[in-house]
C-alpha atoms as a PDB file:
ATOM      1  CA  MET A   1       0.000   0.000   0.000  1.00  0.00           C
ATOM      2  CA  LYS A   2       2.872   2.362   0.806  1.00  0.00           C
ATOM      3  CA  GLN A   3       4.252   1.732  -2.693  1.00  0.00           C
ATOM      4  CA  LEU A   4       0.983   2.843  -4.253  1.00  0.00           C
ATOM      5  CA  VAL A   5       0.789   6.021  -2.189  1.00  0.00           C
ATOM      6  CA  GLN A   6       4.437   6.852  -2.889  1.00  0.00           C
ATOM      7  CA  PHE A   7       3.962   6.198  -6.597  1.00  0.00           C
ATOM      8  CA  ILE A   8       0.955   8.509  -6.813  1.00  0.00           C
ATOM      9  CA  VAL A   9       2.855  11.238  -4.960  1.00  0.00           C
ATOM     10  CA  ASP A  10       5.831  10.868  -7.318  1.00  0.00           C
ATOM     11  CA  LEU A  11       3.702  10.732 -10.479  1.00  0.00           C
ATOM     12  CA  GLU A  12       4.594  13.503 -12.889  1.00  0.00           C
ATOM     13  CA  GLU A  13       1.931  16.090 -13.617  1.00  0.00           C
ATOM     14  CA  ASN A  14       2.206  15.733 -17.390  1.00  0.00           C
ATOM     15  CA  CYS A  15       1.915  11.938 -17.382  1.00  0.00           C
ATOM     16  CA  PRO A  16      -1.043  10.851 -19.570  1.00  0.00           C
ATOM     17  CA  LEU A  17      -3.871   9.235 -17.629  1.00  0.00           C
ATOM     18  CA  HIS A  18      -3.695   5.892 -19.463  1.00  0.00           C
ATOM     19  CA  THR A  19       0.070   5.676 -18.774  1.00  0.00           C
ATOM     20  CA  ALA A  20      -0.498   6.380 -15.088  1.00  0.00           C
ATOM     21  CA  PHE A  21      -3.131   3.622 -14.873  1.00  0.00           C
ATOM     22  CA  GLU A  22      -0.761   1.200 -16.608  1.00  0.00           C
ATOM     23  CA  LYS A  23       2.063   2.009 -14.172  1.00  0.00           C
ATOM     24  CA  ILE A  24      -0.223   1.735 -11.149  1.00  0.00           C
ATOM     25  CA  ARG A  25      -1.623  -1.582 -12.389  1.00  0.00           C
ATOM     26  CA  ASN A  26       1.915  -3.032 -12.546  1.00  0.00           C
ATOM     27  CA  LEU A  27       2.749  -2.338  -8.905  1.00  0.00           C
ATOM     28  CA  PRO A  28       2.983  -5.647  -6.978  1.00  0.00           C
ATOM     29  CA  PHE A  29       0.291  -4.768  -4.412  1.00  0.00           C
ATOM     30  CA  VAL A  30      -2.182  -3.551  -7.009  1.00  0.00           C
ATOM     31  CA  LYS A  31      -1.450  -6.466  -9.338  1.00  0.00           C
ATOM     32  CA  THR A  32      -2.371  -8.978  -6.629  1.00  0.00           C
ATOM     33  CA  VAL A  33      -5.635  -7.221  -5.776  1.00  0.00           C
ATOM     34  CA  TYR A  34      -6.387  -6.495  -9.410  1.00  0.00           C
ATOM     35  CA  LEU A  35      -5.935 -10.090 -10.565  1.00  0.00           C
ATOM     36  CA  ASN A  36      -8.379 -11.275  -7.906  1.00  0.00           C
ATOM     37  CA  THR A  37     -11.100  -8.875  -9.059  1.00  0.00           C
ATOM     38  CA  LYS A  38     -10.708  -9.090 -12.841  1.00  0.00           C
ATOM     39  CA  LYS A  39     -14.060  -9.059 -14.611  1.00  0.00           C
ATOM     40  CA  PHE A  40     -15.038 -10.092 -18.099  1.00  0.00           C
ATOM     41  CA  LEU A  41     -17.595  -9.171 -20.707  1.00  0.00           C
ATOM     42  CA  GLU A  42     -19.067 -12.523 -21.671  1.00  0.00           C
ATOM     43  CA  ILE A  43     -20.815 -12.699 -25.038  1.00  0.00           C
ATOM     44  CA  ALA A  44     -22.283 -15.739 -26.750  1.00  0.00           C
ATOM     45  CA  ASP A  45     -22.268 -15.043 -30.467  1.00  0.00           C
ATOM     46  CA  ARG A  46     -23.184 -17.692 -33.004  1.00  0.00           C
ATOM     47  CA  LYS A  47     -21.520 -20.912 -31.800  1.00  0.00           C
ATOM     48  CA  GLN A  48     -18.789 -19.316 -29.724  1.00  0.00           C
ATOM     49  CA  THR A  49     -18.594 -17.641 -26.315  1.00  0.00           C
ATOM     50  CA  TYR A  50     -16.138 -14.812 -25.792  1.00  0.00           C
ATOM     51  CA  GLN A  51     -14.725 -13.546 -22.500  1.00  0.00           C
ATOM     52  CA  ILE A  52     -13.185 -10.116 -22.907  1.00  0.00           C
ATOM     53  CA  PRO A  53     -11.632  -8.503 -19.808  1.00  0.00           C
ATOM     54  CA  PHE A  54     -13.124  -5.072 -19.062  1.00  0.00           C
ATOM     55  CA  ASP A  55      -9.676  -3.481 -18.808  1.00  0.00           C
ATOM     56  CA  GLU A  56      -8.792  -4.583 -22.358  1.00  0.00           C
ATOM     57  CA  ILE A  57     -11.846  -2.960 -23.952  1.00  0.00           C
ATOM     58  CA  ILE A  58     -10.891   0.425 -25.381  1.00  0.00           C
ATOM     59  CA  SER A  59     -14.150   1.424 -27.049  1.00  0.00           C
ATOM     60  CA  LEU A  60     -17.379   0.160 -28.584  1.00  0.00           C
ATOM     61  CA  GLN A  61     -19.066   1.417 -31.727  1.00  0.00           C
ATOM     62  CA  ALA A  62     -22.667   0.788 -32.763  1.00  0.00           C
ATOM     63  CA  MET A  63     -23.350  -0.207 -36.352  1.00  0.00           C
ATOM     64  CA  GLY A  64     -27.086  -0.802 -36.554  1.00  0.00           C
ATOM     65  CA  ASN A  65     -27.871  -4.103 -34.819  1.00  0.00           C
ATOM     66  CA  TYR A  66     -24.156  -4.902 -34.625  1.00  0.00           C
ATOM     67  CA  THR A  67     -21.512  -3.583 -32.269  1.00  0.00           C
ATOM     68  CA  GLN A  68     -17.775  -3.463 -32.820  1.00  0.00           C
ATOM     69  CA  VAL A  69     -15.705  -3.953 -29.680  1.00  0.00           C
ATOM     70  CA  PHE A  70     -12.173  -2.561 -29.955  1.00  0.00           C
ATOM     71  CA  THR A  71      -9.690  -4.090 -27.515  1.00  0.00           C
ATOM     72  CA  THR A  72      -5.970  -3.808 -26.944  1.00  0.00           C
ATOM     73  CA  GLU A  73      -5.500  -7.095 -28.808  1.00  0.00           C
ATOM     74  CA  LYS A  74      -8.109  -7.198 -31.588  1.00  0.00           C
ATOM     75  CA  THR A  75     -11.496  -6.054 -32.827  1.00  0.00           C
ATOM     76  CA  TYR A  76     -14.689  -8.083 -32.396  1.00  0.00           C
ATOM     77  CA  CYS A  77     -18.016  -7.647 -34.158  1.00  0.00           C
ATOM     78  CA  PHE A  78     -21.129  -8.938 -32.386  1.00  0.00           C
ATOM     79  CA  SER A  79     -24.736  -9.154 -33.501  1.00  0.00           C
ATOM     80  CA  CYS A  80     -25.922  -7.283 -30.430  1.00  0.00           C
ATOM     81  CA  SER A  81     -26.930  -3.670 -29.923  1.00  0.00           C
ATOM     82  CA  LEU A  82     -24.651  -1.259 -28.092  1.00  0.00           C
ATOM     83  CA  LYS A  83     -27.379  -0.713 -25.512  1.00  0.00           C
ATOM     84  CA  LYS A  84     -27.486  -4.426 -24.613  1.00  0.00           C
ATOM     85  CA  LEU A  85     -23.700  -4.671 -24.374  1.00  0.00           C
ATOM     86  CA  LEU A  86     -23.522  -1.612 -22.120  1.00  0.00           C
ATOM     87  CA  GLN A  87     -25.933  -3.298 -19.705  1.00  0.00           C
ATOM     88  CA  LYS A  88     -23.233  -5.955 -19.170  1.00  0.00           C
ATOM     89  CA  LEU A  89     -20.488  -3.388 -18.549  1.00  0.00           C
ATOM     90  CA  PRO A  90     -19.866  -1.443 -15.310  1.00  0.00           C
ATOM     91  CA  ASP A  91     -21.171   2.146 -15.448  1.00  0.00           C
ATOM     92  CA  GLU A  92     -18.231   3.457 -13.431  1.00  0.00           C
ATOM     93  CA  LEU A  93     -15.753   2.202 -16.051  1.00  0.00           C
ATOM     94  CA  PHE A  94     -17.496   3.121 -19.320  1.00  0.00           C
ATOM     95  CA  VAL A  95     -18.837   6.425 -20.574  1.00  0.00           C
ATOM     96  CA  ARG A  96     -21.102   7.008 -23.571  1.00  0.00           C
ATOM     97  CA  PRO A  97     -20.136  10.313 -25.242  1.00  0.00           C
ATOM     98  CA  HIS A  98     -22.327   9.705 -28.287  1.00  0.00           C
ATOM     99  CA  ARG A  99     -25.237   7.406 -29.099  1.00  0.00           C
ATOM    100  CA  SER A 100     -22.983   5.357 -31.398  1.00  0.00           C
ATOM    101  CA  PHE A 101     -19.959   5.104 -29.089  1.00  0.00           C
ATOM    102  CA  ALA A 102     -18.931   3.972 -25.624  1.00  0.00           C
ATOM    103  CA  VAL A 103     -15.414   4.433 -24.249  1.00  0.00           C
ATOM    104  CA  ASN A 104     -13.476   2.884 -21.388  1.00  0.00           C
ATOM    105  CA  ARG A 105     -12.533   5.757 -19.031  1.00  0.00           C
ATOM    106  CA  MET A 106      -9.068   4.244 -18.528  1.00  0.00           C
ATOM    107  CA  PHE A 107      -8.227   4.894 -22.188  1.00  0.00           C
ATOM    108  CA  VAL A 108      -9.444   8.517 -22.365  1.00  0.00           C
ATOM    109  CA  ARG A 109      -6.478  10.752 -23.030  1.00  0.00           C
ATOM    110  CA  THR A 110      -8.157  14.166 -23.316  1.00  0.00           C
ATOM    111  CA  TRP A 111     -11.572  15.644 -23.976  1.00  0.00           C
ATOM    112  CA  GLY A 112     -12.657  18.954 -25.303  1.00  0.00           C
ATOM    113  CA  LYS A 113     -15.820  20.730 -26.287  1.00  0.00           C
ATOM    114  CA  ASP A 114     -16.881  18.423 -29.120  1.00  0.00           C
ATOM    115  CA  VAL A 115     -14.454  15.510 -29.114  1.00  0.00           C
ATOM    116  CA  LEU A 116     -12.915  12.919 -26.815  1.00  0.00           C
ATOM    117  CA  GLU A 117      -9.450  11.544 -27.637  1.00  0.00           C
ATOM    118  CA  ILE A 118      -8.544   7.999 -26.629  1.00  0.00           C
ATOM    119  CA  SER A 119      -5.088   6.483 -26.160  1.00  0.00           C
ATOM    120  CA  THR A 120      -5.069   4.970 -29.659  1.00  0.00           C
ATOM    121  CA  GLY A 121      -5.156   8.505 -31.069  1.00  0.00           C
ATOM    122  CA  GLU A 122      -8.711   8.232 -32.334  1.00  0.00           C
ATOM    123  CA  SER A 123     -11.215  11.021 -31.775  1.00  0.00           C
ATOM    124  CA  ILE A 124     -14.715  10.153 -30.581  1.00  0.00           C
ATOM    125  CA  PRO A 125     -17.435  12.783 -31.077  1.00  0.00           C
ATOM    126  CA  ILE A 126     -19.331  14.134 -28.077  1.00  0.00           C
ATOM    127  CA  SER A 127     -22.998  14.750 -28.806  1.00  0.00           C
ATOM    128  CA  ARG A 128     -24.784  17.889 -27.587  1.00  0.00           C
ATOM    129  CA  ARG A 129     -26.997  15.831 -25.259  1.00  0.00           C
ATOM    130  CA  LYS A 130     -24.054  14.102 -23.613  1.00  0.00           C
ATOM    131  CA  LYS A 131     -21.936  17.230 -22.972  1.00  0.00           C
ATOM    132  CA  THR A 132     -23.640  18.049 -19.673  1.00  0.00           C
ATOM    133  CA  GLU A 133     -23.581  14.391 -18.626  1.00  0.00           C
ATOM    134  CA  LEU A 134     -19.830  14.150 -19.323  1.00  0.00           C
ATOM    135  CA  SER A 135     -19.026  17.400 -17.558  1.00  0.00           C
ATOM    136  CA  VAL A 136     -20.560  15.978 -14.369  1.00  0.00           C
ATOM    137  CA  ALA A 137     -18.692  12.650 -14.718  1.00  0.00           C
END
């Protein structure tokens, strides 16, 4: 625990948020606790069941009745609406800046008036309706 506190105190001000989370996650104390509480998004699609760890999901994009799930490893496409997938994900970890997108808060690099930038360098639009919701979160 002392390592975590010391690390946070020593963390540079200009360190990107996703880098800070990655460094914190690799501390021995946090790694032990983190591994014991790891959660998965479980999706049965066609004849296969997928288990995707929450912390590997970068973003989700709606495409009609399909949803693309972008992870650190690969991209999945499921025949499920974004709304149904978001019901399986923790609200405290994911934010929905636009009706067609959901983003893992751990991968948000910066956000501005109309756009949210994630660690992959992609820009996600922020809808007018969601601006007030995001400013509170």
